[in-house]
């Protein structure tokens, strides 16, 4: 009998919740990730990420980075440090029980990688896990974090946190900020590209808010 991906990961999800991880909303088909806060001042988080590919192979990574979407875009970002954990070629083989064991061994030490991410924030590399000339993307990531600091100055910031947290935990979704508020937060730090695609950047700002708020 064929075992579904969602059934296979039930024990893994239970284990991660026990380790104080939260499931990241907006799951894509065949992709799941969970997040744990490491440093709320510097906005560094730990992600456990798994994916199932069309040929039913499975893979997993542990990622230390600023807030991110549930996708594999971290590979081009110098502010993300990822550790490949495992690969499997057949469903129903107990792969995720082994995955739990690997995480049990790794998680107590992996959190120290947050210091490497913080150092990258202050001294960006021009390479990433899968891309050269990556500093440009890293700089844009830093712009997002600066915009979030600006958002924190808003008089209704705590109210936004409350709404965003409820949307994450109860609706399993990301609360989207108003684009005009996004413009206000980015105008001091962004460039022409930022303003041209302000809806996309406001969405990224919303993800940062959501991740931060979920642990408040």
Protein backbone atom coordinates (compact mmCIF):
# COMPACT_ATOMS: atom_id res chain seq x y z
CA UNK A 1 0.00 0.00 0.00
CA UNK A 2 1.35 3.38 -0.99
CA UNK A 3 2.06 5.74 1.92
CA UNK A 4 1.27 9.43 1.53
CA UNK A 5 3.78 12.16 2.17
CA UNK A 6 1.51 13.80 4.77
CA UNK A 7 1.20 10.54 6.73
CA UNK A 8 4.93 9.90 6.54
CA UNK A 9 5.81 13.19 8.22
CA UNK A 10 3.37 13.01 11.15
CA UNK A 11 5.96 11.72 13.62
CA UNK A 12 8.49 14.26 12.37
CA UNK A 13 6.03 17.11 12.88
CA UNK A 14 5.21 15.87 16.40
CA UNK A 15 8.92 15.71 17.23
CA UNK A 16 9.56 19.23 15.94
CA UNK A 17 6.66 20.71 17.89
CA UNK A 18 8.16 19.12 21.02
CA UNK A 19 11.42 20.94 20.12
CA UNK A 20 9.52 24.28 20.05
CA UNK A 21 9.32 24.57 16.26
CA UNK A 22 6.25 25.97 14.51
CA UNK A 23 4.97 24.84 11.13
CA UNK A 24 5.53 27.53 8.48
CA UNK A 25 2.22 28.45 6.78
CA UNK A 26 1.63 28.48 3.04
CA UNK A 27 2.83 24.94 2.46
CA UNK A 28 3.63 24.24 -1.16
CA UNK A 29 2.87 20.85 -2.62
CA UNK A 30 5.59 18.45 -1.53
CA UNK A 31 7.39 21.07 0.58
CA UNK A 32 7.18 21.55 4.32
CA UNK A 33 9.22 23.55 6.78
CA UNK A 34 9.20 24.30 10.50
CA UNK A 35 10.82 27.26 12.24
CA UNK A 36 12.33 27.98 15.65
CA UNK A 37 13.48 31.36 16.90
CA UNK A 38 17.18 31.64 17.74
CA UNK A 39 17.75 35.39 18.08
CA UNK A 40 14.83 37.82 18.02
CA UNK A 41 17.08 40.88 18.17
CA UNK A 42 19.01 39.94 15.02
CA UNK A 43 16.06 38.09 13.45
CA UNK A 44 17.82 34.74 13.02
CA UNK A 45 15.79 31.53 12.86
CA UNK A 46 16.34 27.82 12.45
CA UNK A 47 14.34 25.94 9.81
CA UNK A 48 13.88 22.25 9.22
CA UNK A 49 12.95 21.88 5.57
CA UNK A 50 11.85 18.76 3.70
CA UNK A 51 10.66 18.22 0.16
CA UNK A 52 9.26 15.38 -1.90
CA UNK A 53 10.04 15.41 -5.60
CA UNK A 54 7.95 14.14 -8.50
CA UNK A 55 9.83 10.87 -8.68
CA UNK A 56 8.98 10.39 -4.99
CA UNK A 57 12.48 11.00 -3.75
CA UNK A 58 12.72 12.97 -0.53
CA UNK A 59 15.34 15.35 0.77
CA UNK A 60 15.85 17.53 3.80
CA UNK A 61 17.93 20.45 5.02
CA UNK A 62 18.48 22.36 8.22
CA UNK A 63 18.68 26.10 7.51
CA UNK A 64 19.76 29.02 9.70
CA UNK A 65 18.66 32.35 8.23
CA UNK A 66 16.47 35.43 8.59
CA UNK A 67 12.73 34.81 8.11
CA UNK A 68 12.02 32.99 4.85
CA UNK A 69 9.22 31.52 2.81
CA UNK A 70 8.57 27.80 2.62
CA UNK A 71 10.62 27.29 -0.54
CA UNK A 72 14.18 26.58 -1.64
CA UNK A 73 15.10 30.21 -2.43
CA UNK A 74 17.56 30.22 0.50
CA UNK A 75 20.22 28.50 -1.66
CA UNK A 76 21.11 31.78 -3.39
CA UNK A 77 21.19 33.86 -0.22
CA UNK A 78 24.52 34.45 1.58
CA UNK A 79 22.61 35.14 4.80
CA UNK A 80 21.36 31.53 4.86
CA UNK A 81 23.49 28.64 6.07
CA UNK A 82 22.09 25.25 5.09
CA UNK A 83 23.09 21.73 6.06
CA UNK A 84 21.95 18.88 3.79
CA UNK A 85 20.58 16.24 6.16
CA UNK A 86 19.38 13.34 4.07
CA UNK A 87 18.04 11.98 0.80
CA UNK A 88 15.69 9.06 0.24
CA UNK A 89 14.45 7.40 -2.93
CA UNK A 90 11.40 5.46 -1.77
CA UNK A 91 8.33 6.26 0.32
CA UNK A 92 7.36 4.03 3.21
CA UNK A 93 10.89 3.00 4.23
CA UNK A 94 11.01 4.63 7.68
CA UNK A 95 13.06 7.51 6.30
CA UNK A 96 11.55 10.13 8.59
CA UNK A 97 12.22 8.04 11.72
CA UNK A 98 15.88 8.16 10.73
CA UNK A 99 15.45 11.86 10.01
CA UNK A 100 14.23 12.41 13.58
CA UNK A 101 17.27 10.56 14.91
CA UNK A 102 19.59 12.73 12.81
CA UNK A 103 17.91 15.90 14.05
CA UNK A 104 18.11 14.67 17.65
CA UNK A 105 21.87 14.46 17.26
CA UNK A 106 22.26 17.73 15.37
CA UNK A 107 19.86 20.27 16.87
CA UNK A 108 21.70 20.88 20.17
CA UNK A 109 24.75 22.12 18.24
CA UNK A 110 23.20 23.64 15.11
CA UNK A 111 21.92 26.71 16.91
CA UNK A 112 25.45 28.03 17.22
CA UNK A 113 25.41 28.71 13.47
CA UNK A 114 23.30 31.78 14.20
CA UNK A 115 26.54 33.58 15.01
CA UNK A 116 27.79 32.86 11.49
CA UNK A 117 24.62 34.38 10.03
CA UNK A 118 24.99 37.47 12.22
CA UNK A 119 28.59 37.86 11.05
CA UNK A 120 27.39 37.60 7.44
CA UNK A 121 24.98 40.45 8.13
CA UNK A 122 27.96 42.62 9.05
CA UNK A 123 30.38 41.29 6.43
CA UNK A 124 28.52 39.88 3.43
CA UNK A 125 30.08 37.15 1.31
CA UNK A 126 29.69 37.21 -2.45
CA UNK A 127 28.89 33.49 -2.62
CA UNK A 128 26.08 31.34 -1.30
CA UNK A 129 25.17 27.65 -1.19
CA UNK A 130 24.41 27.44 -4.90
CA UNK A 131 25.23 30.81 -6.43
CA UNK A 132 28.22 33.10 -7.01
CA UNK A 133 27.83 36.89 -7.03
CA UNK A 134 25.32 36.54 -4.20
CA UNK A 135 26.10 39.74 -2.29
CA UNK A 136 23.42 41.64 -4.23
CA UNK A 137 20.71 39.32 -2.91
CA UNK A 138 22.17 39.54 0.57
CA UNK A 139 22.02 43.34 0.45
CA UNK A 140 18.36 43.19 -0.52
CA UNK A 141 17.74 40.83 2.37
CA UNK A 142 19.35 43.36 4.70
CA UNK A 143 17.11 46.07 3.25
CA UNK A 144 14.10 43.95 4.22
CA UNK A 145 15.40 43.68 7.79
CA UNK A 146 15.94 47.46 7.97
CA UNK A 147 12.38 47.99 6.75
CA UNK A 148 11.17 45.71 9.53
CA UNK A 149 13.03 47.83 12.09
CA UNK A 150 11.16 50.80 10.66
CA UNK A 151 7.89 48.88 10.99
CA UNK A 152 8.66 48.31 14.67
CA UNK A 153 8.55 52.08 15.16
CA UNK A 154 4.91 52.23 14.07
CA UNK A 155 2.56 53.13 16.96
CA UNK A 156 0.31 50.15 16.17
CA UNK A 157 3.16 47.65 15.83
CA UNK A 158 1.99 45.48 18.74
CA UNK A 159 -1.49 45.35 17.24
CA UNK A 160 -0.01 44.25 13.91
CA UNK A 161 1.96 41.56 15.76
CA UNK A 162 -1.21 40.27 17.40
CA UNK A 163 -3.11 40.11 14.10
CA UNK A 164 -0.18 38.49 12.32
CA UNK A 165 0.28 35.88 15.04
CA UNK A 166 -3.40 34.97 15.01
CA UNK A 167 -3.36 34.67 11.23
CA UNK A 168 -0.33 32.32 11.41
CA UNK A 169 -1.54 30.10 14.26
CA UNK A 170 -5.30 29.99 13.62
CA UNK A 171 -5.66 30.53 9.88
CA UNK A 172 -2.35 28.91 8.87
CA UNK A 173 -1.59 31.87 6.64
CA UNK A 174 0.53 35.02 6.43
CA UNK A 175 -1.10 38.34 7.26
CA UNK A 176 -0.34 40.74 4.41
CA UNK A 177 0.51 44.29 5.33
CA UNK A 178 -0.98 47.23 3.46
CA UNK A 179 1.19 48.25 0.51
CA UNK A 180 1.16 51.91 1.59
CA UNK A 181 2.64 50.88 4.93
CA UNK A 182 5.21 48.86 3.00
CA UNK A 183 6.16 51.96 1.03
CA UNK A 184 6.58 53.93 4.25
CA UNK A 185 8.90 51.30 5.72
CA UNK A 186 11.01 50.85 2.58
CA UNK A 187 11.27 54.42 1.30
CA UNK A 188 14.32 55.24 3.43
CA UNK A 189 16.25 52.08 2.46
CA UNK A 190 14.94 50.88 -0.89
CA UNK A 191 15.84 51.79 -4.45
CA UNK A 192 13.96 52.04 -7.74
CA UNK A 193 13.60 48.27 -7.99
CA UNK A 194 12.19 48.09 -4.48
CA UNK A 195 9.56 50.69 -5.25
CA UNK A 196 8.71 49.21 -8.64
CA UNK A 197 7.99 45.87 -6.99
CA UNK A 198 6.75 47.24 -3.68
CA UNK A 199 3.94 44.68 -3.46
CA UNK A 200 6.50 41.86 -3.52
CA UNK A 201 8.68 43.62 -0.96
CA UNK A 202 5.67 44.31 1.26
CA UNK A 203 4.91 40.59 1.08
CA UNK A 204 8.45 39.83 2.25
CA UNK A 205 8.04 42.35 5.05
CA UNK A 206 4.82 40.58 5.99
CA UNK A 207 6.69 37.27 6.25
CA UNK A 208 9.25 38.82 8.59
CA UNK A 209 6.47 40.26 10.76
CA UNK A 210 4.65 36.92 10.78
CA UNK A 211 7.74 34.95 11.81
CA UNK A 212 8.67 37.45 14.51
CA UNK A 213 5.11 37.67 15.84
CA UNK A 214 4.54 33.92 16.00
CA UNK A 215 7.04 33.65 18.86
CA UNK A 216 5.82 36.64 20.86
